[in-house]
Amino acid sequence: MRTALNPGVAKREVFAWAMYDFANSGYTTVVLTAVFNAYFVSVICNGAPWATFAWTATLAVSYLGVMVLGPIIGAYADAHAAKKRVLMLVTTGCVASTAGLYAATSGDLALAAALVIISNFCYAIGENITAAFLPELAAPGAMGKVSGWGWSLGYVGGLLALGLCLAWIMTAESRSGTTSDAVPMTNLITAAVYSAGAIVTFIWLKERASPTAVSSATAWARLVHTARDAARYKDLVAMFICGAFYQAGVATIITLAAIYAQEVMGFKTTETLMLVLVVNITACIGAFGFGYVQDAIGKKRALMVTLLIWIVMVLFAWFATTPTLFWVAANLAGVAMGSSQSAGRAMVAFFSPIDRAAEFFGLWGVATRLAAIAGPLTYGAVSWASGGNHRLAMLITGVFFIAAIVALLRVNESRGRAVALTSDAKSPFGG
């Protein structure tokens, strides 16, 4: 482990950084993927024909906010050496608004949508900021495995949160209630897990950067400088394009997997939760294992493999008519999800100047959140326009992964790293 870290980085600090992945994964697993999204459609929207579209539109509003403010917040965090302070602020926002979802019941569309928008915005900014610590912690040749450590631990956190929620829901009848009655409490459970994991991060993770800001306009000036210098970062730009496409597919699967399982395959709530539980295990294995593969065969090749797995997964899900085939598709998604997410983060870190990592991950956030808007909205629109044909919507999702492969072919790994290493000296904001 020591050889994977930069000089002066303690093991416990890397553990603390990875614990943020542990902390926030429960939010995506429970709120966005397995429990609250289906509850939003079936209970809060009372199963209306527009309910799935309403869910995707709610997330789209949140992601628009991330696209507009994410790069500015990232540039501010770099300029003022404020990554840790910003991370604490958005963590508090996400935990509080997630806990607030406990109060949303049938017909409370405005309340639920507002809290989802706030919580998801804070979650996404936190994801960007925590990723910006990676170049400070990991040696260049080990970014894949260190990113994989964090992402795999994240799935452990997701499993813990989901397991606790599953236990609460499955014992609802013993409390003279129903599974729907038990869902609101899962938001409090998720918020508690998020808080507990993040405390470790804030205790041990260090802010190594030094403030370079000379005025309140510096964050904007950094972005303008980056835009003017974009031609130098052609491989990073190509990676942003690749990420926008494949993350559109990933976001669609994450956001609508539970809905697809229930609407197409006829899964009950408990069956869907068990499916997501197992998929988190395969995703954990994928993130951890592919981190080492990525450093061994190259980040580009490893990401290419994961994109091919995604295409196979989409075909399985589209074709599946039995629970067994759908379980195969779901676990292929797990392996591809963990590995592709971790690989993307490592590649952006590899191509980013170390003193501008938060800014560049803010821009990466623009690409991924644009994807998170386009993917689920495309799925929701196709499903709505086709009279609820989820299979057609799933098949179209595969086009995103094909487009990502085309974009990835333009990435030159060694050239992109060389640009990152020479950028600090050329930047007027370098330390």
Protein backbone atom coordinates (compact mmCIF):
# COMPACT_ATOMS: atom_id res chain seq x y z
CA MET A 1 0.00 0.00 0.00
CA ARG A 2 2.85 2.41 0.85
CA THR A 3 4.17 2.43 -2.74
CA ALA A 4 0.72 3.39 -4.00
CA LEU A 5 0.70 6.64 -2.01
CA ASN A 6 2.43 9.96 -2.49
CA PRO A 7 5.20 10.90 -0.02
CA GLY A 8 3.86 12.06 3.32
CA VAL A 9 0.43 10.46 2.89
CA ALA A 10 -0.54 8.25 5.82
CA LYS A 11 -2.52 5.04 5.37
CA ARG A 12 -5.24 6.24 7.72
CA GLU A 13 -5.72 9.33 5.56
CA VAL A 14 -6.42 7.20 2.49
CA PHE A 15 -8.81 5.15 4.59
CA ALA A 16 -10.53 8.36 5.70
CA TRP A 17 -10.80 9.50 2.08
CA ALA A 18 -12.26 6.14 1.05
CA MET A 19 -14.72 6.35 3.93
CA TYR A 20 -16.46 9.21 2.16
CA ASP A 21 -17.29 6.78 -0.64
CA PHE A 22 -18.57 4.47 2.11
CA ALA A 23 -20.65 7.30 3.54
CA ASN A 24 -22.34 8.67 0.43
CA SER A 25 -23.02 5.38 -1.38
CA GLY A 26 -26.00 4.66 0.84
CA TYR A 27 -27.68 7.74 -0.62
CA THR A 28 -27.41 6.56 -4.22
CA THR A 29 -28.26 2.97 -3.30
CA VAL A 30 -31.33 3.64 -1.17
CA VAL A 31 -32.70 6.97 -2.42
CA LEU A 32 -31.83 6.92 -6.13
CA THR A 33 -31.63 3.22 -6.98
CA ALA A 34 -33.53 0.78 -4.82
CA VAL A 35 -36.13 2.22 -2.46
CA PHE A 36 -37.20 5.84 -2.59
CA ASN A 37 -37.33 6.13 -6.39
CA ALA A 38 -39.92 3.36 -6.61
CA TYR A 39 -41.77 4.87 -3.63
CA PHE A 40 -41.77 8.25 -5.38
CA VAL A 41 -43.42 6.71 -8.45
CA SER A 42 -45.90 4.40 -6.75
CA VAL A 43 -46.85 6.30 -3.57
CA ILE A 44 -45.96 9.98 -3.81
CA CYS A 45 -47.19 10.19 -7.43
CA ASN A 46 -49.85 7.51 -6.84
CA GLY A 47 -48.64 5.51 -9.86
CA ALA A 48 -49.70 8.17 -12.38
CA PRO A 49 -48.70 7.64 -16.06
CA TRP A 50 -46.31 10.59 -15.78
CA ALA A 51 -44.75 9.41 -12.52
CA THR A 52 -41.52 7.96 -13.98
CA PHE A 53 -41.04 11.11 -16.06
CA ALA A 54 -41.62 13.24 -12.95
CA TRP A 55 -38.86 11.36 -11.14
CA THR A 56 -36.38 11.77 -13.97
CA ALA A 57 -37.33 15.44 -14.38
CA THR A 58 -36.74 16.07 -10.67
CA LEU A 59 -33.25 14.63 -10.94
CA ALA A 60 -32.67 16.64 -14.12
CA VAL A 61 -33.34 19.92 -12.27
CA SER A 62 -30.83 18.93 -9.62
CA TYR A 63 -28.19 18.01 -12.18
CA LEU A 64 -28.68 21.30 -14.01
CA GLY A 65 -27.71 23.03 -10.80
CA VAL A 66 -24.58 20.87 -10.55
CA MET A 67 -23.64 21.66 -14.15
CA VAL A 68 -23.91 25.41 -13.60
CA LEU A 69 -22.35 25.66 -10.13
CA GLY A 70 -20.08 22.59 -9.96
CA PRO A 71 -17.09 24.01 -11.90
CA ILE A 72 -17.33 27.35 -10.07
CA ILE A 73 -17.43 25.64 -6.67
CA GLY A 74 -14.51 23.43 -7.70
CA ALA A 75 -12.43 26.38 -8.90
CA TYR A 76 -13.24 28.24 -5.66
CA ALA A 77 -12.17 25.22 -3.59
CA ASP A 78 -8.84 25.07 -5.45
CA ALA A 79 -8.16 28.80 -5.25
CA HIS A 80 -8.97 29.09 -1.54
CA ALA A 81 -7.70 25.64 -0.46
CA ALA A 82 -11.26 25.01 0.72
CA LYS A 83 -11.99 21.49 -0.53
CA LYS A 84 -12.51 20.12 2.96
CA ARG A 85 -14.69 23.05 4.07
CA VAL A 86 -16.87 22.77 0.97
CA LEU A 87 -17.14 19.01 1.49
CA MET A 88 -18.37 19.52 5.05
CA LEU A 89 -20.97 22.05 3.91
CA VAL A 90 -22.50 19.90 1.15
CA THR A 91 -22.39 16.81 3.34
CA THR A 92 -24.49 18.60 5.95
CA GLY A 93 -26.92 19.67 3.22
CA CYS A 94 -27.30 16.18 1.82
CA VAL A 95 -27.75 14.53 5.21
CA ALA A 96 -30.36 17.06 6.34
CA SER A 97 -32.44 16.96 3.15
CA THR A 98 -32.28 13.16 2.97
CA ALA A 99 -33.57 12.95 6.52
CA GLY A 100 -36.30 15.40 5.53
CA LEU A 101 -37.66 12.93 2.97
CA TYR A 102 -39.05 11.03 5.97
CA ALA A 103 -41.92 13.55 5.98
CA ALA A 104 -42.89 13.04 2.31
CA THR A 105 -45.98 10.85 1.87
CA SER A 106 -48.71 10.26 -0.73
CA GLY A 107 -49.40 13.39 -2.78
CA ASP A 108 -46.46 15.39 -1.35
CA LEU A 109 -44.89 15.83 -4.78
CA ALA A 110 -43.60 19.39 -4.23
CA LEU A 111 -41.95 18.55 -0.91
CA ALA A 112 -40.40 15.32 -2.15
CA ALA A 113 -39.13 16.89 -5.36
CA ALA A 114 -37.59 19.86 -3.54
CA LEU A 115 -35.77 17.65 -1.04
CA VAL A 116 -34.51 15.30 -3.77
CA ILE A 117 -33.21 18.28 -5.75
CA ILE A 118 -31.33 19.65 -2.73
CA SER A 119 -29.98 16.31 -1.52
CA ASN A 120 -28.85 15.17 -4.95
CA PHE A 121 -27.18 18.52 -5.68
CA CYS A 122 -25.22 18.34 -2.42
CA TYR A 123 -24.35 14.68 -3.02
CA ALA A 124 -23.02 15.42 -6.53
CA ILE A 125 -20.89 18.39 -5.41
CA GLY A 126 -19.49 16.25 -2.60
CA GLU A 127 -18.62 13.50 -5.07
CA ASN A 128 -16.72 16.01 -7.23
CA ILE A 129 -14.83 17.51 -4.30
CA THR A 130 -13.82 14.23 -2.69
CA ALA A 131 -12.51 12.96 -6.05
CA ALA A 132 -10.26 16.03 -6.23
CA PHE A 133 -8.24 14.68 -3.30
CA LEU A 134 -7.18 11.61 -5.33
CA PRO A 135 -4.17 13.19 -7.14
CA GLU A 136 -2.86 14.44 -3.78
CA LEU A 137 -3.08 11.00 -2.18
CA ALA A 138 -2.24 8.43 -4.88
CA ALA A 139 0.98 7.96 -6.84
CA PRO A 140 0.41 8.45 -10.60
CA GLY A 141 0.86 4.77 -11.38
CA ALA A 142 -1.53 3.68 -8.66
CA MET A 143 -4.51 5.97 -9.16
CA GLY A 144 -6.56 3.10 -10.55
CA LYS A 145 -6.16 0.86 -7.53
CA VAL A 146 -6.54 3.68 -4.98
CA SER A 147 -9.70 4.86 -6.73
CA GLY A 148 -10.86 1.24 -6.70
CA TRP A 149 -10.23 0.95 -2.97
CA GLY A 150 -12.52 3.90 -2.35
CA TRP A 151 -15.19 2.83 -4.80
CA SER A 152 -15.27 -0.75 -3.51
CA LEU A 153 -15.52 0.48 0.10
CA GLY A 154 -18.32 2.68 -1.14
CA TYR A 155 -20.30 -0.37 -2.15
CA VAL A 156 -19.77 -1.80 1.33
CA GLY A 157 -21.38 1.36 2.67
CA GLY A 158 -24.19 1.00 0.18
CA LEU A 159 -24.66 -2.62 1.26
CA LEU A 160 -24.78 -1.63 4.91
CA ALA A 161 -27.37 1.10 4.34
CA LEU A 162 -29.45 -1.10 2.06
CA GLY A 163 -29.18 -4.08 4.42
CA LEU A 164 -30.44 -2.01 7.34
CA CYS A 165 -33.26 -0.64 5.20
CA LEU A 166 -34.16 -4.10 3.92
CA ALA A 167 -34.32 -5.44 7.47
CA TRP A 168 -36.61 -2.55 8.46
CA ILE A 169 -38.92 -3.06 5.48
CA MET A 170 -39.09 -6.85 5.79
CA THR A 171 -40.15 -6.58 9.44
CA ALA A 172 -42.92 -4.08 8.68
CA GLU A 173 -45.68 -6.65 9.13
CA SER A 174 -44.43 -7.48 12.62
CA ARG A 175 -45.08 -3.84 13.44
CA SER A 176 -48.60 -4.10 11.94
CA GLY A 177 -47.56 -2.07 8.90
CA THR A 178 -46.86 -2.51 5.18
CA THR A 179 -43.69 -2.23 3.13
CA SER A 180 -44.85 1.16 1.86
CA ASP A 181 -45.37 2.35 5.42
CA ALA A 182 -41.77 1.36 6.22
CA VAL A 183 -40.11 3.24 3.35
CA PRO A 184 -40.02 6.76 4.92
CA MET A 185 -37.87 5.49 7.79
CA THR A 186 -35.23 4.31 5.31
CA ASN A 187 -34.36 7.94 4.62
CA LEU A 188 -33.43 8.47 8.28
CA ILE A 189 -31.36 5.28 8.23
CA THR A 190 -29.54 6.46 5.11
CA ALA A 191 -28.84 9.88 6.62
CA ALA A 192 -27.44 8.25 9.76
CA VAL A 193 -25.04 6.01 7.80
CA TYR A 194 -23.92 8.99 5.71
CA SER A 195 -23.16 11.02 8.85
CA ALA A 196 -21.28 8.23 10.60
CA GLY A 197 -19.00 7.50 7.63
CA ALA A 198 -18.29 11.15 6.83
CA ILE A 199 -17.12 11.87 10.38
CA VAL A 200 -14.10 9.62 9.79
CA THR A 201 -13.28 11.58 6.63
CA PHE A 202 -13.39 14.94 8.37
CA ILE A 203 -11.23 13.76 11.28
CA TRP A 204 -8.27 12.38 9.28
CA LEU A 205 -8.36 13.76 5.73
CA LYS A 206 -5.98 16.71 5.27
CA GLU A 207 -6.25 19.79 3.09
CA ARG A 208 -2.78 19.93 1.51
CA ALA A 209 -3.35 22.83 -0.88
CA SER A 210 -2.38 26.42 -0.12
CA PRO A 211 -4.68 29.36 -0.90
CA THR A 212 -3.79 31.17 -4.12
CA ALA A 213 -6.82 33.46 -4.43
CA VAL A 214 -6.21 37.18 -4.71
CA SER A 215 -9.83 38.26 -5.26
CA SER A 216 -13.37 36.94 -5.15
CA ALA A 217 -13.30 36.66 -8.95
CA THR A 218 -10.39 34.21 -9.03
CA ALA A 219 -12.59 31.12 -9.30
CA TRP A 220 -14.25 32.52 -12.40
CA ALA A 221 -10.89 33.62 -13.80
CA ARG A 222 -9.54 30.09 -13.45
CA LEU A 223 -12.47 28.74 -15.45
CA VAL A 224 -11.97 31.35 -18.18
CA HIS A 225 -8.28 30.45 -18.36
CA THR A 226 -9.13 26.76 -18.64
CA ALA A 227 -11.65 27.43 -21.43
CA ARG A 228 -9.08 29.43 -23.40
CA ASP A 229 -6.50 26.68 -22.89
CA ALA A 230 -8.88 23.80 -23.69
CA ALA A 231 -7.04 22.76 -26.85
CA ARG A 232 -4.08 21.66 -24.71
CA TYR A 233 -6.31 19.26 -22.80
CA LYS A 234 -7.61 17.38 -25.84
CA ASP A 235 -7.38 13.99 -24.15
CA LEU A 236 -9.15 15.20 -21.04
CA VAL A 237 -11.85 16.77 -23.22
CA ALA A 238 -12.21 13.48 -25.10
CA MET A 239 -12.52 11.74 -21.73
CA PHE A 240 -15.23 14.21 -20.71
CA ILE A 241 -17.14 13.36 -23.90
CA CYS A 242 -16.67 9.64 -23.31
CA GLY A 243 -17.82 10.08 -19.71
CA ALA A 244 -20.88 12.05 -20.74
CA PHE A 245 -22.01 9.18 -22.96
CA TYR A 246 -21.27 6.20 -20.76
CA GLN A 247 -22.43 7.93 -17.60
CA ALA A 248 -25.75 8.58 -19.37
CA GLY A 249 -26.15 4.84 -19.61
CA VAL A 250 -24.92 4.23 -16.08
CA ALA A 251 -27.20 6.92 -14.64
CA THR A 252 -30.16 5.37 -16.47
CA ILE A 253 -29.47 1.93 -15.02
CA ILE A 254 -28.91 3.29 -11.50
CA THR A 255 -31.98 5.53 -11.59
CA LEU A 256 -34.43 3.12 -13.21
CA ALA A 257 -33.23 -0.39 -12.32
CA ALA A 258 -35.75 -0.85 -9.53
CA ILE A 259 -38.55 0.51 -11.68
CA TYR A 260 -37.58 -1.80 -14.57
CA ALA A 261 -37.43 -4.80 -12.25
CA GLN A 262 -40.91 -4.10 -10.92
CA GLU A 263 -42.64 -2.93 -14.10
CA VAL A 264 -41.11 -5.40 -16.59
CA MET A 265 -40.00 -8.41 -14.56
CA GLY A 266 -42.75 -8.22 -11.94
CA PHE A 267 -40.38 -8.13 -8.96
CA LYS A 268 -41.86 -7.30 -5.57
CA THR A 269 -40.21 -4.67 -3.35
CA THR A 270 -38.32 -7.21 -1.26
CA GLU A 271 -37.14 -9.06 -4.40
CA THR A 272 -35.89 -5.81 -5.89
CA LEU A 273 -34.02 -4.95 -2.72
CA MET A 274 -32.36 -8.37 -2.66
CA LEU A 275 -31.37 -7.91 -6.29
CA VAL A 276 -29.78 -4.53 -5.57
CA LEU A 277 -28.07 -6.00 -2.50
CA VAL A 278 -26.38 -8.71 -4.58
CA VAL A 279 -25.52 -6.27 -7.39
CA ASN A 280 -23.71 -4.08 -4.87
CA ILE A 281 -21.53 -7.07 -3.98
CA THR A 282 -20.57 -7.67 -7.62
CA ALA A 283 -20.01 -3.93 -8.07
CA CYS A 284 -17.68 -3.92 -5.07
CA ILE A 285 -15.69 -6.78 -6.59
CA GLY A 286 -15.61 -5.03 -9.95
CA ALA A 287 -14.38 -1.72 -8.51
CA PHE A 288 -11.67 -3.34 -6.41
CA GLY A 289 -10.44 -5.84 -9.00
CA PHE A 290 -10.52 -3.56 -12.02
CA GLY A 291 -8.53 -0.95 -10.12
CA TYR A 292 -5.55 -3.29 -10.24
CA VAL A 293 -6.32 -4.29 -13.83
CA GLN A 294 -6.42 -0.63 -14.80
CA ASP A 295 -2.95 0.07 -13.45
CA ALA A 296 -1.62 -3.13 -15.06
CA ILE A 297 -2.99 -2.86 -18.62
CA GLY A 298 -3.66 0.87 -18.82
CA LYS A 299 -6.63 2.99 -17.85
CA LYS A 300 -7.98 3.31 -21.39
CA ARG A 301 -7.98 -0.43 -22.08
CA ALA A 302 -9.60 -1.24 -18.76
CA LEU A 303 -12.36 1.31 -19.34
CA MET A 304 -12.92 -0.11 -22.84
CA VAL A 305 -13.49 -3.57 -21.34
CA THR A 306 -16.07 -2.21 -18.91
CA LEU A 307 -17.96 -0.45 -21.72
CA LEU A 308 -18.16 -3.72 -23.67
CA ILE A 309 -19.56 -5.42 -20.55
CA TRP A 310 -22.21 -2.69 -20.32
CA ILE A 311 -23.32 -3.37 -23.90
CA VAL A 312 -23.66 -7.10 -23.18
CA MET A 313 -25.62 -6.28 -20.03
CA VAL A 314 -28.12 -4.10 -21.92
CA LEU A 315 -28.73 -6.88 -24.43
CA PHE A 316 -29.33 -9.39 -21.62
CA ALA A 317 -31.78 -7.05 -19.86
CA TRP A 318 -33.65 -6.33 -23.12
CA PHE A 319 -33.89 -10.03 -23.96
CA ALA A 320 -34.62 -11.36 -20.46
CA THR A 321 -38.05 -12.88 -19.96
CA THR A 322 -37.24 -14.91 -16.84
CA PRO A 323 -35.91 -13.83 -13.45
CA THR A 324 -32.76 -15.92 -13.99
CA LEU A 325 -31.73 -14.05 -17.14
CA PHE A 326 -32.48 -10.73 -15.50
CA TRP A 327 -30.31 -11.69 -12.53
CA VAL A 328 -27.47 -12.36 -14.98
CA ALA A 329 -27.99 -8.94 -16.56
CA ALA A 330 -28.11 -7.24 -13.17
CA ASN A 331 -24.85 -8.78 -12.01
CA LEU A 332 -23.13 -7.88 -15.26
CA ALA A 333 -24.30 -4.33 -14.53
CA GLY A 334 -22.76 -4.60 -11.07
CA VAL A 335 -19.33 -5.60 -12.37
CA ALA A 336 -19.41 -2.92 -15.08
CA MET A 337 -20.78 -0.25 -12.75
CA GLY A 338 -18.09 -0.53 -10.11
CA SER A 339 -15.24 -0.79 -12.59
CA SER A 340 -16.36 1.93 -15.01
CA GLN A 341 -17.12 4.47 -12.29
CA SER A 342 -13.79 3.91 -10.58
CA ALA A 343 -11.89 3.90 -13.88
CA GLY A 344 -13.42 7.19 -14.99
CA ARG A 345 -12.45 8.90 -11.73
CA ALA A 346 -8.89 7.60 -11.97
CA MET A 347 -8.51 8.74 -15.60
CA VAL A 348 -9.66 12.27 -14.82
CA ALA A 349 -7.28 12.42 -11.85
CA PHE A 350 -4.46 11.14 -14.08
CA PHE A 351 -5.10 13.90 -16.63
CA SER A 352 -5.63 16.74 -14.11
CA PRO A 353 -2.99 19.22 -12.85
CA ILE A 354 -2.78 18.59 -9.12
CA ASP A 355 -3.40 22.22 -8.08
CA ARG A 356 -6.57 22.43 -10.20
CA ALA A 357 -8.07 19.01 -9.49
CA ALA A 358 -11.28 20.30 -7.88
CA GLU A 359 -11.88 22.59 -10.86
CA PHE A 360 -11.33 19.77 -13.35
CA PHE A 361 -13.52 17.37 -11.38
CA GLY A 362 -16.13 20.12 -11.37
CA LEU A 363 -15.96 20.06 -15.16
CA TRP A 364 -16.10 16.26 -15.06
CA GLY A 365 -19.22 16.76 -12.97
CA VAL A 366 -20.71 18.84 -15.78
CA ALA A 367 -20.18 15.93 -18.17
CA THR A 368 -21.54 13.29 -15.80
CA ARG A 369 -24.54 15.35 -14.68
CA LEU A 370 -25.40 16.23 -18.26
CA ALA A 371 -25.36 12.48 -18.76
CA ALA A 372 -27.53 12.00 -15.69
CA ILE A 373 -30.08 14.34 -17.24
CA ALA A 374 -29.95 12.98 -20.79
CA GLY A 375 -29.92 9.28 -19.95
CA PRO A 376 -32.87 8.93 -17.56
CA LEU A 377 -34.89 11.59 -19.41
CA THR A 378 -34.38 9.70 -22.67
CA TYR A 379 -35.49 6.49 -20.99
CA GLY A 380 -38.48 8.18 -19.38
CA ALA A 381 -39.52 9.91 -22.60
CA VAL A 382 -39.23 6.71 -24.66
CA SER A 383 -41.17 4.78 -22.05
CA TRP A 384 -43.90 7.44 -21.97
CA ALA A 385 -44.10 7.87 -25.77
CA SER A 386 -44.22 4.12 -26.37
CA GLY A 387 -47.02 3.53 -23.89
CA GLY A 388 -44.80 2.10 -21.16
CA ASN A 389 -42.44 0.00 -23.30
CA HIS A 390 -39.54 -0.29 -20.87
CA ARG A 391 -37.77 -2.89 -23.00
CA LEU A 392 -37.45 -0.47 -25.90
CA ALA A 393 -36.19 2.22 -23.53
CA MET A 394 -33.59 -0.19 -22.15
CA LEU A 395 -32.39 -1.15 -25.63
CA ILE A 396 -31.91 2.50 -26.61
CA THR A 397 -29.81 2.95 -23.47
CA GLY A 398 -27.16 0.76 -25.11
CA VAL A 399 -26.51 3.46 -27.73
CA PHE A 400 -24.88 5.61 -25.02
CA PHE A 401 -22.22 2.96 -24.37
CA ILE A 402 -21.47 2.56 -28.08
CA ALA A 403 -20.98 6.32 -28.40
CA ALA A 404 -18.67 6.26 -25.37
CA ILE A 405 -16.44 3.69 -27.04
CA VAL A 406 -16.14 5.90 -30.12
CA ALA A 407 -15.09 8.87 -27.94
CA LEU A 408 -12.64 6.77 -25.92
CA LEU A 409 -10.78 5.77 -29.07
CA ARG A 410 -9.58 9.40 -29.33
CA VAL A 411 -7.92 9.36 -25.90
CA ASN A 412 -4.10 9.13 -25.77
CA GLU A 413 -3.18 8.17 -22.21
CA SER A 414 0.51 9.14 -22.22
CA ARG A 415 -0.13 12.46 -24.00
CA GLY A 416 -2.88 13.40 -21.56
CA ARG A 417 -0.63 12.72 -18.57
CA ALA A 418 2.23 14.73 -20.06
CA VAL A 419 -0.04 17.76 -20.44
CA ALA A 420 -1.13 17.48 -16.81
CA LEU A 421 2.48 17.42 -15.62
CA THR A 422 3.40 20.57 -17.55
CA SER A 423 0.22 22.55 -16.83
CA ASP A 424 1.12 23.83 -13.36
CA ALA A 425 4.04 25.85 -14.68
CA LYS A 426 1.92 27.35 -17.47
CA SER A 427 -1.01 28.31 -15.26
CA PRO A 428 -1.05 31.80 -13.71
CA PHE A 429 -2.78 30.21 -10.72
CA GLY A 430 -0.18 27.53 -10.02
CA GLY A 431 1.32 27.35 -6.57
